[in-house]
Protein backbone atom coordinates (compact mmCIF):
# COMPACT_ATOMS: atom_id res chain seq x y z
CA MET A 1 34.21 -34.78 -1.77
CA ALA A 2 30.62 -34.95 -0.50
CA PRO A 3 27.86 -33.97 -2.98
CA GLY A 4 26.81 -31.04 -0.78
CA SER A 5 30.38 -29.72 -0.72
CA VAL A 6 30.60 -29.96 -4.51
CA LEU A 7 27.38 -27.97 -4.86
CA LEU A 8 28.60 -25.36 -2.41
CA LEU A 9 31.93 -25.01 -4.24
CA LEU A 10 30.08 -24.65 -7.55
CA PHE A 11 27.79 -22.04 -6.06
CA LEU A 12 30.69 -20.02 -4.66
CA ARG A 13 32.45 -20.08 -8.04
CA LEU A 14 29.27 -18.86 -9.69
CA ALA A 15 28.99 -16.08 -7.13
CA ALA A 16 32.59 -15.02 -7.77
CA ALA A 17 32.10 -15.10 -11.54
CA TYR A 18 29.02 -12.92 -11.33
CA ASP A 19 30.29 -10.37 -8.84
CA ARG A 20 29.49 -7.32 -10.95
CA PRO A 21 27.29 -4.21 -10.80
CA ASP A 22 24.19 -6.29 -11.39
CA ARG A 23 22.01 -4.38 -8.91
CA PHE A 24 20.52 -1.06 -9.87
CA ILE A 25 18.81 1.72 -7.97
CA VAL A 26 15.71 2.93 -9.80
CA ALA A 27 14.10 6.26 -8.90
CA SER A 28 11.16 8.37 -9.94
CA SER A 29 12.04 11.96 -10.83
CA PRO A 30 8.86 14.08 -11.15
CA SER A 31 10.78 17.23 -12.05
CA THR A 32 12.33 15.55 -15.12
CA ARG A 33 9.21 13.47 -15.91
CA SER A 34 11.44 10.40 -16.01
CA ILE A 35 12.41 7.18 -14.26
CA LEU A 36 16.17 7.08 -13.67
CA TRP A 37 18.62 4.35 -12.77
CA ALA A 38 22.21 3.93 -11.60
CA PRO A 39 24.36 0.86 -10.81
CA LEU A 40 24.82 -0.02 -7.17
CA PRO A 41 28.25 -1.05 -5.86
CA SER A 42 29.14 -4.72 -6.23
CA PHE A 43 30.65 -6.71 -3.37
CA HIS A 44 34.11 -5.94 -4.74
CA ASP A 45 33.34 -2.23 -4.96
CA LEU A 46 32.27 -2.14 -1.33
CA THR A 47 35.75 -3.20 -0.28
CA VAL A 48 37.15 -0.01 -1.83
CA ALA A 49 37.35 3.07 0.38
CA GLN A 50 34.56 5.56 -0.28
CA LYS A 51 36.99 8.34 -1.20
CA ASP A 52 38.35 6.11 -3.97
CA ARG A 53 34.90 5.04 -5.18
CA PRO A 54 33.21 7.88 -7.08
CA ALA A 55 29.43 8.08 -7.21
CA ALA A 56 27.78 6.58 -10.26
CA THR A 57 26.14 8.78 -12.87
CA SER A 58 22.46 8.10 -13.40
CA LYS A 59 20.83 7.29 -16.75
CA VAL A 60 17.28 7.39 -18.04
CA LEU A 61 15.26 4.20 -17.85
CA ILE A 62 11.94 5.72 -18.98
CA ASN A 63 11.82 9.10 -20.70
CA GLY A 64 8.36 10.43 -19.89
CA VAL A 65 8.81 13.50 -22.07
CA VAL A 66 8.97 11.39 -25.22
CA THR A 67 5.22 10.88 -25.37
CA LYS A 68 4.12 8.64 -28.21
CA CYS A 69 0.42 9.29 -27.86
CA THR A 70 -1.77 12.12 -26.56
CA GLY A 71 -5.47 12.87 -26.46
CA TRP A 72 -8.68 10.88 -26.38
CA MET A 73 -7.59 8.50 -29.15
CA CYS A 74 -4.96 6.87 -26.91
CA SER A 75 -5.72 3.27 -26.08
CA ASN A 76 -4.42 1.14 -23.22
CA THR A 77 -1.74 -0.24 -25.52
CA MET A 78 -0.27 3.15 -26.53
CA ASP A 79 2.52 4.89 -24.64
CA ARG A 80 1.24 8.08 -23.04
CA GLY A 81 4.54 9.20 -21.56
CA LEU A 82 4.72 10.56 -18.00
CA GLU A 83 3.69 13.90 -16.55
CA GLU A 84 4.72 13.68 -12.89
CA PRO A 85 5.80 10.15 -11.92
CA THR A 86 6.03 9.66 -8.16
CA GLY A 87 5.05 6.24 -6.79
CA LEU A 88 7.38 3.37 -7.65
CA ALA A 89 7.43 -0.38 -6.97
CA LEU A 90 9.27 -3.35 -8.51
CA ASP A 91 7.91 -6.89 -8.64
CA HIS A 92 10.74 -9.32 -9.41
CA ARG A 93 10.08 -12.45 -11.42
CA ALA A 94 12.21 -15.49 -12.28
CA GLY A 95 15.28 -15.05 -14.44
CA GLY A 96 15.96 -11.42 -13.59
CA HIS A 97 12.70 -10.15 -15.08
CA ALA A 98 10.53 -7.64 -13.25
CA TRP A 99 7.41 -5.52 -13.46
CA LEU A 100 7.93 -1.84 -12.68
CA TYR A 101 4.82 -0.06 -11.37
CA VAL A 102 4.72 3.74 -11.70
CA SER A 103 1.98 6.08 -10.53
CA ASP A 104 1.37 9.44 -12.19
CA PRO A 105 -1.05 11.32 -9.88
CA LYS A 106 -1.05 14.41 -12.11
CA VAL A 107 -2.97 12.52 -14.79
CA GLY A 108 -4.44 9.96 -12.39
CA ALA A 109 -2.82 6.92 -13.99
CA LEU A 110 -1.09 3.78 -12.80
CA TYR A 111 1.27 2.19 -15.32
CA ARG A 112 3.30 -0.99 -15.58
CA TYR A 113 6.52 -1.63 -17.54
CA PRO A 114 8.46 -4.88 -18.05
CA VAL A 115 12.09 -4.48 -16.99
CA ASP A 116 14.97 -6.72 -18.05
CA GLU A 117 18.75 -6.57 -18.34
CA ASN A 118 20.24 -6.09 -21.81
CA TRP A 119 23.51 -7.40 -23.26
CA ARG A 120 25.31 -4.36 -21.85
CA LYS A 121 24.26 -5.49 -18.38
CA GLU A 122 22.00 -2.46 -18.01
CA PRO A 123 18.29 -2.37 -17.11
CA VAL A 124 15.88 -1.65 -19.95
CA ALA A 125 12.15 -0.97 -19.77
CA GLY A 126 9.62 -2.30 -22.25
CA HIS A 127 6.33 -0.88 -23.48
CA GLN A 128 4.08 1.07 -21.11
CA GLN A 129 0.85 -0.61 -19.98
CA LEU A 130 -2.03 1.37 -18.51
CA LEU A 131 -3.54 -0.42 -15.49
CA LYS A 132 -5.78 2.16 -13.85
CA GLU A 133 -6.72 5.76 -14.66
CA ASP A 134 -9.07 7.01 -11.94
CA LEU A 135 -6.33 8.09 -9.54
CA LYS A 136 -6.21 11.85 -10.04
CA ASP A 137 -4.09 13.33 -7.21
CA LYS A 138 -3.94 9.86 -5.62
CA ALA A 139 -1.45 7.01 -5.34
CA HIS A 140 1.64 9.13 -4.67
CA TRP A 141 3.09 6.10 -2.84
CA LEU A 142 3.17 2.43 -3.87
CA ALA A 143 4.28 -0.82 -2.21
CA LEU A 144 4.28 -4.52 -3.16
CA ASP A 145 4.06 -7.58 -0.94
CA GLY A 146 5.72 -10.92 -1.65
CA TYR A 147 2.63 -12.25 -3.42
CA GLY A 148 2.56 -9.50 -6.04
CA ASN A 149 -0.31 -7.51 -4.53
CA LEU A 150 0.05 -3.75 -5.00
CA PHE A 151 -0.88 -1.25 -2.26
CA TYR A 152 -1.30 2.51 -2.54
CA THR A 153 -2.42 5.41 -0.35
CA ASP A 154 -4.69 8.39 -0.88
CA ALA A 155 -3.75 11.14 1.56
CA GLU A 156 -6.50 13.53 0.50
CA GLU A 157 -9.45 11.17 0.94
CA GLY A 158 -7.75 9.13 3.64
CA ALA A 159 -7.68 5.64 2.18
CA ILE A 160 -5.33 2.67 1.86
CA SER A 161 -6.18 0.43 -1.07
CA MET A 162 -4.95 -2.78 -2.64
CA LEU A 163 -4.85 -4.15 -6.17
CA SER A 164 -4.50 -7.92 -5.92
CA LEU A 165 -2.34 -9.86 -8.35
CA GLU A 166 -5.58 -10.98 -10.04
CA ASP A 167 -6.69 -7.33 -10.36
CA LEU A 168 -3.37 -6.40 -11.96
CA GLU A 169 -3.68 -9.19 -14.51
CA ALA A 170 -7.26 -8.23 -15.41
CA THR A 171 -8.17 -6.01 -18.35
CA ALA A 172 -9.32 -3.21 -16.02
CA ALA A 173 -7.83 -3.14 -12.51
CA LYS A 174 -10.50 -2.40 -9.88
CA GLY A 175 -8.97 -2.88 -6.44
CA ARG A 176 -10.51 -2.38 -3.02
CA THR A 177 -10.10 -0.08 -0.03
CA LEU A 178 -8.67 -1.77 3.06
CA TYR A 179 -8.54 1.09 5.56
CA SER A 180 -10.44 4.35 5.42
CA ALA A 181 -10.49 7.60 7.38
CA LYS A 182 -14.28 7.38 7.35
CA LYS A 183 -14.06 4.43 9.71
CA MET A 184 -10.73 4.89 11.55
CA LYS A 185 -9.00 7.89 13.08
CA SER A 186 -5.68 6.12 12.56
CA VAL A 187 -6.01 6.73 8.83
CA ALA A 188 -5.06 10.41 8.97
CA GLY A 189 -3.67 11.55 5.64
CA PRO A 190 -1.87 8.27 4.78
CA ALA A 191 1.27 8.84 2.72
CA GLY A 192 4.31 6.54 2.49
CA ILE A 193 3.50 2.83 2.69
CA ALA A 194 5.48 -0.38 3.23
CA VAL A 195 4.28 -3.97 3.40
CA ASP A 196 5.50 -7.43 4.25
CA ASN A 197 3.47 -10.59 3.80
CA LEU A 198 1.50 -9.93 6.98
CA HIS A 199 1.40 -6.24 7.87
CA ILE A 200 0.90 -2.84 6.29
CA TYR A 201 2.87 0.13 7.61
CA TRP A 202 1.98 3.69 6.68
CA ALA A 203 2.88 7.27 7.52
CA ASN A 204 0.15 9.71 8.54
CA LEU A 205 0.61 13.28 7.34
CA GLN A 206 -2.10 14.46 9.74
CA GLY A 207 -1.30 12.07 12.56
CA ASP A 208 -0.60 12.85 16.19
CA LYS A 209 0.09 10.89 19.37
CA ARG A 210 -3.36 9.33 19.33
CA SER A 211 -3.77 8.44 15.66
CA GLY A 212 -0.04 7.92 15.10
CA THR A 213 2.35 9.39 12.58
CA LEU A 214 3.61 5.87 11.79
CA VAL A 215 1.26 2.92 12.24
CA GLN A 216 1.00 -0.83 11.62
CA ALA A 217 -2.02 -2.95 10.73
CA LEU A 218 -2.83 -6.37 9.31
CA ALA A 219 -3.13 -6.68 5.55
CA ALA A 220 -5.36 -9.75 5.46
CA LYS A 221 -8.15 -8.32 7.61
CA VAL A 222 -9.15 -4.95 9.00
CA GLU A 223 -8.08 -4.32 12.57
CA LYS A 224 -7.38 -1.35 14.80
CA PRO A 225 -3.93 -0.08 13.72
CA LYS A 226 -1.05 -0.13 16.18
CA VAL A 227 0.72 3.19 16.73
CA LEU A 228 4.49 2.79 16.28
CA ALA A 229 5.40 6.48 16.43
CA GLY A 230 3.33 9.47 17.44
CA GLN A 231 4.49 13.07 17.56
CA THR A 232 2.69 16.23 18.59
CA ASP A 233 0.76 18.32 16.08
CA MET A 234 3.77 20.53 15.36
CA TYR A 235 5.50 17.56 13.74
CA LYS A 236 2.78 16.50 11.32
CA ALA A 237 5.18 16.37 8.37
CA LEU A 238 7.82 14.39 10.25
CA SER A 239 6.68 11.09 8.72
CA LYS A 240 5.99 11.00 4.97
CA ASP A 241 8.14 8.38 3.21
CA ILE A 242 8.93 5.00 4.77
CA CYS A 243 10.69 1.72 4.05
CA LEU A 244 10.93 -1.60 5.87
CA ALA A 245 14.31 -3.23 6.56
CA ARG A 246 13.62 -6.51 8.31
CA ASP A 247 12.68 -5.52 11.86
CA ASN A 248 13.48 -1.81 11.38
CA ILE A 249 11.44 0.93 9.74
CA PHE A 250 13.13 4.02 8.34
CA PHE A 251 11.14 7.14 7.57
CA THR A 252 11.58 10.72 6.40
CA GLY A 253 9.43 13.85 6.30
CA ASP A 254 9.80 17.54 5.62
CA THR A 255 13.08 17.76 7.54
CA ASN A 256 16.71 16.87 6.79
CA VAL A 257 16.55 13.81 9.06
CA LEU A 258 16.26 10.08 8.45
CA PHE A 259 14.49 8.45 11.40
CA GLY A 260 14.36 4.82 12.47
CA ILE A 261 12.09 2.78 14.73
CA LYS A 262 11.57 -0.92 15.46
CA ALA A 263 8.82 -2.49 13.37
CA ASP A 264 7.42 -4.43 16.31
CA GLY A 265 6.82 -1.27 18.32
CA SER A 266 9.43 -2.15 20.95
CA SER A 267 11.20 1.22 20.55
CA SER A 268 10.23 3.84 23.10
CA SER A 269 10.68 6.55 20.47
CA ALA A 270 12.08 7.15 16.98
CA ILE A 271 15.85 7.51 16.59
CA GLU A 272 17.52 10.18 14.46
CA VAL A 273 19.69 7.94 12.27
CA SER A 274 21.17 10.76 10.16
CA GLN A 275 20.82 14.54 9.83
CA ASP A 276 23.15 14.81 6.83
CA PHE A 277 20.53 15.05 4.09
CA LYS A 278 19.16 18.15 2.39
CA GLN A 279 15.67 16.74 1.78
CA PRO A 280 15.42 12.97 2.13
CA ARG A 281 12.49 11.28 0.44
CA GLY A 282 11.98 7.60 -0.40
CA CYS A 283 14.18 4.76 0.81
CA VAL A 284 14.64 1.06 0.00
CA TYR A 285 16.30 -1.94 1.63
CA ASP A 286 18.54 -4.20 -0.49
CA GLU A 287 17.56 -7.41 1.39
CA GLU A 288 21.11 -7.73 2.69
CA ALA A 289 22.46 -5.01 4.99
CA THR A 290 22.00 -1.63 3.35
CA VAL A 291 19.33 1.05 3.01
CA TYR A 292 19.43 3.48 0.09
CA VAL A 293 17.86 6.92 0.53
CA ALA A 294 16.89 9.46 -2.12
CA ASP A 295 18.00 13.01 -1.28
CA HIS A 296 15.64 15.04 -3.43
CA ASP A 297 17.24 18.44 -2.89
CA GLY A 298 20.74 16.96 -2.82
CA ASP A 299 20.33 15.33 -6.26
CA ALA A 300 21.83 12.10 -4.97
CA ILE A 301 21.28 8.59 -3.66
CA TYR A 302 23.02 7.74 -0.38
CA SER A 303 23.57 4.43 1.41
CA LEU A 304 23.89 3.53 5.07
CA PRO A 305 23.90 0.29 7.10
CA ALA A 306 20.47 -1.10 7.95
CA ASN A 307 21.11 -4.26 9.95
CA PHE A 308 21.01 -2.56 13.35
CA LYS A 309 20.23 -4.74 16.32
CA GLU A 310 19.71 -1.52 18.24
CA LEU A 311 18.95 1.59 16.20
CA ARG A 312 21.51 4.36 16.47
CA ALA A 313 22.87 7.39 14.65
CA VAL A 314 25.34 6.73 11.82
CA LYS A 315 28.53 8.74 11.49
CA ARG A 316 28.47 9.17 7.72
CA LEU A 317 26.57 8.58 4.51
CA ASP A 318 28.05 7.11 1.34
CA LYS A 319 26.97 8.72 -1.92
CA VAL A 320 26.37 5.96 -4.45
CA ALA A 321 24.85 7.96 -7.32
CA ASP A 322 24.31 11.46 -8.62
CA MET A 323 20.69 11.76 -9.70
CA ALA A 324 18.34 14.64 -10.56
CA SER A 325 15.69 15.19 -7.86
CA PRO A 326 15.06 11.54 -6.93
CA ASN A 327 11.74 10.87 -5.23
CA GLN A 328 10.71 7.25 -4.66
CA VAL A 329 13.24 4.43 -5.08
CA ALA A 330 13.38 0.69 -5.72
CA ILE A 331 16.11 -1.86 -6.51
CA PHE A 332 16.24 -3.94 -9.67
CA PHE A 333 18.21 -7.17 -9.28
CA GLY A 334 19.69 -8.52 -12.50
CA PRO A 335 19.79 -12.22 -13.40
CA SER A 336 23.12 -12.80 -11.63
CA SER A 337 22.65 -10.56 -8.61
CA ASN A 338 23.56 -11.79 -5.15
CA SER A 339 19.86 -11.84 -4.27
CA ASN A 340 19.09 -14.32 -7.04
CA LEU A 341 22.14 -16.43 -6.14
CA ARG A 342 20.96 -16.61 -2.53
CA SER A 343 17.55 -17.80 -3.75
CA LEU A 344 19.28 -20.48 -5.83
CA ALA A 345 21.34 -21.59 -2.83
CA LYS A 346 18.26 -21.81 -0.67
CA HIS A 347 16.49 -23.85 -3.34
CA MET A 348 19.50 -26.19 -3.50
CA GLY A 349 19.47 -26.55 0.26
CA ILE A 350 22.91 -25.05 0.79
CA GLY A 351 21.92 -21.51 1.82
């Protein structure tokens, strides 16, 4: 047998051995002051009919009510708990480790937690680290690029800012503003944000046809943003939370609808992908073929296919987890997740 075939056979056996619920949906829950998690279906689970596959029950990853320190004597190394966690982003590292970034606009703080998988094959969060504390009523939305740079929006002042990886590793994170409403009309109450390694995408709460309710711009340098979607003034809250799924962007607002549009702007208009939510909020792509959406008022996480060549409406949603008032969402991949196995295969030259 050829060496490449031996490696491929070994890889497939590893994949079969590790086919388990090793992927987890993580969600902020401002109403409970907590960060919650639930296991996502494994490949084997997905072959089971939805009616025979009950939704997972969520658990607490970070209990923000259990505050270990309060008042002016708290230092950066003491756990302050959480008051109203909203923004959420996960930066995966080698070996199934990750940094979880959480923003708490009520107290104006940005925190970081190490996340790992324990012997029970469940995610666990380590000690809270304070990164930045001048974000009162700001940073309701967070996003990370592939380099580890963290982006956040300020809808009230109209600003899109970035904390570089170097900023995040410094004693006091400073950051810089990339796009500002003071200089551009296309920064009109920026809310939900998504990034790849080239572009920034954001939703405008006060956008219209001219400024755009969903726009795209370069991350490396300031340029005039490109309008991807623009509705009339009566639909200002149509675009609030967004996520990027390869060449598709999904977004939600103050309606019961999940919308979709092509990331390159080739769509003539946004498509209503599903109207079966109560109040959809954040969404996340699993890097394979599925988007997971938080239904805040429905107390649930739902999944739907994301690898559309042409965007269209879906016939049904699959409930994957029961969860109290989920807001923003991210996916934590454990050490043996399919995502990590694909990375290994690519590194070995067999992917």
